[in-house]
N, C-alpha and C. Protein backbone atom coordinates (compact mmCIF):
# COMPACT_ATOMS: atom_id res chain seq x y z
N MET A 1 122.96 87.57 154.95
CA MET A 1 122.61 88.98 154.89
C MET A 1 122.96 89.64 156.22
N PRO A 2 123.60 90.82 156.16
CA PRO A 2 123.99 91.46 157.41
C PRO A 2 122.80 91.97 158.22
N ILE A 3 122.98 92.05 159.51
CA ILE A 3 121.93 92.51 160.42
C ILE A 3 122.19 93.94 160.86
N ILE A 4 123.44 94.27 161.09
CA ILE A 4 123.82 95.60 161.57
C ILE A 4 123.65 96.62 160.46
N LYS A 5 123.19 97.81 160.85
CA LYS A 5 122.87 98.86 159.88
C LYS A 5 124.09 99.27 159.05
N SER A 6 125.24 99.44 159.69
CA SER A 6 126.44 99.86 158.97
C SER A 6 126.89 98.78 157.99
N ALA A 7 126.70 97.51 158.36
CA ALA A 7 127.08 96.41 157.46
C ALA A 7 126.17 96.38 156.24
N LYS A 8 124.87 96.70 156.44
CA LYS A 8 123.93 96.77 155.31
C LYS A 8 124.36 97.86 154.34
N LYS A 9 124.78 99.00 154.91
CA LYS A 9 125.22 100.11 154.06
C LYS A 9 126.48 99.71 153.29
N ARG A 10 127.40 99.05 153.94
CA ARG A 10 128.63 98.62 153.27
C ARG A 10 128.34 97.71 152.08
N VAL A 11 127.33 96.84 152.22
CA VAL A 11 126.94 95.95 151.12
C VAL A 11 126.46 96.77 149.93
N LYS A 12 125.62 97.78 150.21
CA LYS A 12 125.10 98.64 149.13
C LYS A 12 126.23 99.41 148.45
N VAL A 13 127.11 99.99 149.26
CA VAL A 13 128.21 100.78 148.72
C VAL A 13 129.15 99.90 147.89
N ALA A 14 129.44 98.71 148.40
CA ALA A 14 130.33 97.80 147.69
C ALA A 14 129.73 97.37 146.36
N ARG A 15 128.42 97.16 146.35
CA ARG A 15 127.75 96.76 145.11
C ARG A 15 127.84 97.88 144.07
N LYS A 16 127.61 99.13 144.49
CA LYS A 16 127.71 100.26 143.57
C LYS A 16 129.13 100.41 143.03
N ALA A 17 130.12 100.25 143.91
CA ALA A 17 131.51 100.36 143.50
C ALA A 17 131.87 99.27 142.51
N ALA A 18 131.35 98.07 142.73
CA ALA A 18 131.64 96.96 141.82
C ALA A 18 131.09 97.23 140.43
N VAL A 19 129.91 97.83 140.36
CA VAL A 19 129.32 98.17 139.06
C VAL A 19 130.16 99.23 138.37
N ARG A 20 130.58 100.26 139.13
CA ARG A 20 131.41 101.32 138.56
C ARG A 20 132.73 100.77 138.04
N ASN A 21 133.36 99.93 138.85
CA ASN A 21 134.65 99.35 138.46
C ASN A 21 134.52 98.45 137.24
N SER A 22 133.43 97.68 137.16
CA SER A 22 133.26 96.79 136.02
C SER A 22 133.04 97.60 134.73
N LYS A 23 132.35 98.73 134.83
CA LYS A 23 132.17 99.59 133.65
C LYS A 23 133.51 100.14 133.18
N THR A 24 134.32 100.57 134.14
CA THR A 24 135.64 101.11 133.80
C THR A 24 136.51 100.04 133.16
N LYS A 25 136.49 98.84 133.73
CA LYS A 25 137.29 97.74 133.19
C LYS A 25 136.83 97.35 131.79
N ARG A 26 135.51 97.33 131.58
CA ARG A 26 134.96 96.95 130.28
C ARG A 26 135.37 97.96 129.22
N SER A 27 135.26 99.26 129.52
CA SER A 27 135.64 100.28 128.53
C SER A 27 137.14 100.22 128.26
N LEU A 28 137.92 99.92 129.29
CA LEU A 28 139.36 99.79 129.12
C LEU A 28 139.70 98.63 128.20
N LYS A 29 139.10 97.47 128.47
CA LYS A 29 139.37 96.29 127.64
C LYS A 29 138.97 96.51 126.20
N SER A 30 137.82 97.15 125.99
CA SER A 30 137.36 97.36 124.61
C SER A 30 138.27 98.34 123.88
N ALA A 31 138.77 99.36 124.57
CA ALA A 31 139.68 100.31 123.94
C ALA A 31 141.00 99.66 123.57
N VAL A 32 141.52 98.83 124.47
CA VAL A 32 142.79 98.15 124.20
C VAL A 32 142.64 97.15 123.06
N LYS A 33 141.52 96.42 123.05
CA LYS A 33 141.28 95.46 121.98
C LYS A 33 141.13 96.16 120.63
N ALA A 34 140.47 97.33 120.63
CA ALA A 34 140.31 98.08 119.39
C ALA A 34 141.67 98.53 118.87
N PHE A 35 142.56 98.92 119.77
CA PHE A 35 143.89 99.33 119.35
C PHE A 35 144.68 98.16 118.80
N VAL A 36 144.59 97.01 119.45
CA VAL A 36 145.33 95.83 118.99
C VAL A 36 144.82 95.37 117.63
N LYS A 37 143.49 95.47 117.44
CA LYS A 37 142.89 95.03 116.19
C LYS A 37 143.31 95.93 115.03
N SER A 38 143.24 97.25 115.22
CA SER A 38 143.65 98.17 114.17
C SER A 38 144.38 99.36 114.79
N PRO A 39 145.71 99.25 114.86
CA PRO A 39 146.47 100.33 115.47
C PRO A 39 146.39 101.62 114.64
N SER A 40 145.97 102.67 115.29
CA SER A 40 145.95 103.99 114.66
C SER A 40 146.15 105.02 115.76
N THR A 41 146.36 106.25 115.35
CA THR A 41 146.58 107.31 116.33
C THR A 41 145.36 107.47 117.24
N LYS A 42 144.19 107.39 116.63
CA LYS A 42 142.96 107.58 117.40
C LYS A 42 142.75 106.47 118.43
N THR A 43 142.93 105.23 118.02
CA THR A 43 142.73 104.12 118.95
C THR A 43 143.83 104.08 120.02
N HIS A 44 145.04 104.50 119.63
CA HIS A 44 146.14 104.56 120.59
C HIS A 44 145.84 105.60 121.67
N ALA A 45 145.34 106.76 121.26
CA ALA A 45 145.00 107.81 122.22
C ALA A 45 143.87 107.36 123.14
N ALA A 46 142.89 106.66 122.57
CA ALA A 46 141.76 106.18 123.37
C ALA A 46 142.22 105.16 124.40
N ALA A 47 143.12 104.27 124.00
CA ALA A 47 143.62 103.25 124.92
C ALA A 47 144.40 103.91 126.06
N GLN A 48 145.25 104.87 125.74
CA GLN A 48 146.02 105.57 126.77
C GLN A 48 145.10 106.32 127.72
N SER A 49 144.10 106.96 127.17
CA SER A 49 143.15 107.72 127.98
C SER A 49 142.41 106.80 128.96
N ASN A 50 141.96 105.66 128.46
CA ASN A 50 141.23 104.72 129.32
C ASN A 50 142.15 104.12 130.39
N LEU A 51 143.40 103.90 130.07
CA LEU A 51 144.35 103.41 131.07
C LEU A 51 144.53 104.45 132.17
N ASP A 52 144.66 105.72 131.78
CA ASP A 52 144.82 106.78 132.77
C ASP A 52 143.58 106.91 133.65
N LYS A 53 142.40 106.77 133.06
CA LYS A 53 141.17 106.87 133.83
C LYS A 53 141.06 105.72 134.83
N ALA A 54 141.48 104.52 134.42
CA ALA A 54 141.43 103.37 135.32
C ALA A 54 142.34 103.58 136.52
N VAL A 55 143.50 104.17 136.27
CA VAL A 55 144.44 104.44 137.36
C VAL A 55 143.85 105.50 138.29
N LYS A 56 143.27 106.53 137.71
CA LYS A 56 142.70 107.61 138.50
C LYS A 56 141.57 107.12 139.39
N LYS A 57 140.79 106.18 138.90
CA LYS A 57 139.66 105.65 139.67
C LYS A 57 140.06 104.54 140.62
N GLY A 58 141.32 104.13 140.57
CA GLY A 58 141.80 103.11 141.50
C GLY A 58 141.50 101.69 141.06
N VAL A 59 141.14 101.50 139.81
CA VAL A 59 140.82 100.16 139.30
C VAL A 59 142.10 99.41 138.97
N MET A 60 143.14 100.14 138.58
CA MET A 60 144.38 99.52 138.14
C MET A 60 145.56 100.23 138.80
N HIS A 61 146.62 99.50 139.07
CA HIS A 61 147.82 100.08 139.66
C HIS A 61 148.54 100.92 138.61
N LYS A 62 149.15 102.02 139.05
CA LYS A 62 149.78 102.93 138.11
C LYS A 62 150.95 102.30 137.36
N ASN A 63 151.68 101.39 138.00
CA ASN A 63 152.82 100.76 137.33
C ASN A 63 152.34 99.81 136.23
N LYS A 64 151.23 99.12 136.47
CA LYS A 64 150.69 98.23 135.45
C LYS A 64 150.22 99.04 134.25
N ALA A 65 149.56 100.17 134.52
CA ALA A 65 149.10 101.02 133.43
C ALA A 65 150.28 101.57 132.64
N ALA A 66 151.33 101.95 133.33
CA ALA A 66 152.52 102.46 132.65
C ALA A 66 153.14 101.39 131.76
N ARG A 67 153.16 100.17 132.27
CA ARG A 67 153.71 99.05 131.48
C ARG A 67 152.87 98.81 130.23
N LEU A 68 151.53 98.83 130.38
CA LEU A 68 150.66 98.61 129.22
C LEU A 68 150.76 99.75 128.22
N LYS A 69 150.90 100.97 128.71
CA LYS A 69 151.05 102.12 127.81
C LYS A 69 152.36 102.01 127.02
N LYS A 70 153.40 101.54 127.69
CA LYS A 70 154.68 101.38 127.01
C LYS A 70 154.58 100.30 125.93
N GLN A 71 153.91 99.20 126.25
CA GLN A 71 153.73 98.13 125.27
C GLN A 71 152.90 98.62 124.08
N ALA A 72 151.87 99.40 124.36
CA ALA A 72 151.02 99.93 123.29
C ALA A 72 151.82 100.88 122.40
N ALA A 73 152.68 101.68 123.02
CA ALA A 73 153.49 102.61 122.23
C ALA A 73 154.47 101.85 121.34
N ALA A 74 155.02 100.74 121.86
CA ALA A 74 155.94 99.94 121.06
C ALA A 74 155.20 99.30 119.88
N LYS A 75 153.97 98.82 120.11
CA LYS A 75 153.18 98.24 119.02
C LYS A 75 152.82 99.30 117.99
N ALA A 76 152.51 100.49 118.46
CA ALA A 76 152.16 101.58 117.54
C ALA A 76 153.37 101.95 116.69
N LYS A 77 154.53 101.99 117.31
CA LYS A 77 155.75 102.34 116.57
C LYS A 77 156.08 101.27 115.54
N ALA A 78 155.89 100.00 115.92
CA ALA A 78 156.15 98.89 115.00
C ALA A 78 155.17 98.92 113.82
N ALA A 79 153.94 99.38 114.10
CA ALA A 79 152.93 99.44 113.04
C ALA A 79 153.06 100.70 112.20
N GLY A 80 153.97 101.60 112.59
CA GLY A 80 154.17 102.82 111.83
C GLY A 80 153.18 103.93 112.17
N VAL A 81 152.55 103.81 113.31
CA VAL A 81 151.58 104.83 113.74
C VAL A 81 152.32 105.90 114.51
N LYS A 82 152.02 107.16 114.20
CA LYS A 82 152.65 108.25 114.93
C LYS A 82 152.01 108.32 116.32
N PRO A 83 152.79 108.66 117.34
CA PRO A 83 152.24 108.72 118.70
C PRO A 83 151.19 109.81 118.82
N ALA A 84 150.30 109.62 119.77
CA ALA A 84 149.24 110.60 120.00
C ALA A 84 149.87 111.90 120.46
N ALA A 85 149.35 112.99 119.95
CA ALA A 85 149.89 114.30 120.30
C ALA A 85 149.54 114.62 121.74
N THR A 86 150.52 115.12 122.47
CA THR A 86 150.26 115.51 123.84
C THR A 86 149.67 116.91 123.86
N LYS A 87 148.87 117.18 124.87
CA LYS A 87 148.26 118.49 124.97
C LYS A 87 149.31 119.49 125.41
N LYS A 88 149.38 120.61 124.69
CA LYS A 88 150.32 121.66 125.02
C LYS A 88 149.55 122.91 125.39
N ALA A 89 150.18 123.76 126.17
CA ALA A 89 149.54 125.01 126.56
C ALA A 89 149.39 125.90 125.33
N ALA A 90 148.28 126.60 125.26
CA ALA A 90 148.03 127.49 124.13
C ALA A 90 149.03 128.64 124.17
N PRO A 91 149.58 129.02 123.02
CA PRO A 91 150.54 130.11 123.01
C PRO A 91 149.86 131.42 123.39
N LYS A 92 150.59 132.27 124.09
CA LYS A 92 150.03 133.55 124.52
C LYS A 92 149.87 134.44 123.31
N ALA A 93 148.81 135.23 123.30
CA ALA A 93 148.44 136.04 122.14
C ALA A 93 149.56 136.99 121.73
N ALA A 94 149.85 137.96 122.55
CA ALA A 94 150.89 138.91 122.20
C ALA A 94 151.76 139.13 123.43
N ALA A 95 152.90 138.52 123.42
CA ALA A 95 153.81 138.68 124.55
C ALA A 95 154.49 140.03 124.43
N LYS A 96 154.53 140.78 125.52
CA LYS A 96 155.16 142.09 125.51
C LYS A 96 156.67 141.91 125.48
N PRO A 97 157.36 142.75 124.74
CA PRO A 97 158.82 142.64 124.74
C PRO A 97 159.39 142.98 126.12
N ALA A 98 160.53 142.42 126.42
CA ALA A 98 161.14 142.60 127.72
C ALA A 98 161.53 144.05 127.98
N ALA A 99 161.87 144.81 126.92
CA ALA A 99 162.30 146.19 127.09
C ALA A 99 161.15 147.08 127.53
N ALA A 100 159.93 146.72 127.21
CA ALA A 100 158.78 147.54 127.55
C ALA A 100 158.48 147.50 129.04
N LYS A 101 158.87 146.45 129.72
CA LYS A 101 158.61 146.33 131.15
C LYS A 101 159.63 147.16 131.92
N LYS A 102 159.13 147.80 132.98
CA LYS A 102 160.03 148.57 133.83
C LYS A 102 160.65 147.63 134.85
N ALA A 103 161.94 147.84 135.09
CA ALA A 103 162.62 147.05 136.10
C ALA A 103 162.27 147.63 137.47
N PRO A 104 162.02 146.78 138.45
CA PRO A 104 161.69 147.32 139.78
C PRO A 104 162.89 148.07 140.36
N ALA A 105 162.59 149.17 141.06
CA ALA A 105 163.65 149.99 141.64
C ALA A 105 164.33 149.19 142.75
N LYS A 106 165.66 149.17 142.71
CA LYS A 106 166.41 148.41 143.70
C LYS A 106 166.77 149.32 144.87
N LYS A 107 166.59 148.81 146.07
CA LYS A 107 166.94 149.55 147.27
C LYS A 107 168.40 149.25 147.59
N PRO A 108 169.12 150.26 148.12
CA PRO A 108 170.51 149.98 148.47
C PRO A 108 170.58 148.93 149.57
N ALA A 109 171.54 148.04 149.45
CA ALA A 109 171.67 146.96 150.42
C ALA A 109 172.13 147.50 151.77
N ALA A 110 171.46 147.10 152.82
CA ALA A 110 171.83 147.53 154.17
C ALA A 110 173.05 146.72 154.62
N LYS A 111 173.96 147.41 155.35
CA LYS A 111 175.15 146.71 155.84
C LYS A 111 174.78 145.79 156.98
N LYS A 112 175.37 144.62 156.98
CA LYS A 112 175.11 143.67 158.04
C LYS A 112 175.98 143.99 159.25
N ALA A 113 175.43 143.77 160.43
CA ALA A 113 176.20 144.00 161.66
C ALA A 113 177.26 142.91 161.78
N PRO A 114 178.45 143.27 162.28
CA PRO A 114 179.49 142.24 162.41
C PRO A 114 179.08 141.17 163.42
N ALA A 115 179.54 139.96 163.16
CA ALA A 115 179.19 138.85 164.03
C ALA A 115 179.84 139.03 165.40
N LYS A 116 179.11 138.72 166.45
CA LYS A 116 179.64 138.87 167.81
C LYS A 116 180.51 137.68 168.14
N LYS A 117 181.60 137.99 168.86
CA LYS A 117 182.50 136.92 169.29
C LYS A 117 182.01 136.35 170.60
N PRO A 118 182.20 135.05 170.80
CA PRO A 118 181.78 134.46 172.07
C PRO A 118 182.61 135.01 173.24
N ALA A 119 182.00 135.05 174.39
CA ALA A 119 182.69 135.56 175.58
C ALA A 119 183.87 134.65 175.94
N ALA A 120 184.95 135.29 176.40
CA ALA A 120 186.13 134.53 176.77
C ALA A 120 185.88 133.75 178.07
N LYS A 121 186.49 132.58 178.16
CA LYS A 121 186.35 131.77 179.37
C LYS A 121 187.27 132.29 180.46
N LYS A 122 186.85 132.21 181.72
CA LYS A 122 187.67 132.66 182.84
C LYS A 122 188.54 131.57 183.37
């Protein structure tokens, strides 16, 4: 058991982090197992979501998550499952036509001063 105050705190913090990480890993494993057991759009989306969360929390490396997501997508395609729909931006209600907008008034271009020549050597 540590004696120094900062070392005691590190033990507490590390213990809390270990619990958080184990929860994330457990939910990830269960989501992936559910997808493998019965591939569907819903389970595929859940597995991808949990992989992204694990990467965001630093539990898993991003390249490993990308590899697992690719493998899951290949299994889903082989099983005939359509890929999970990606979130798209909501369409704007009523876009104004381009003709209705006024073009900004253009100012006449100012003439540039001619470039100065370097002084001649003596």
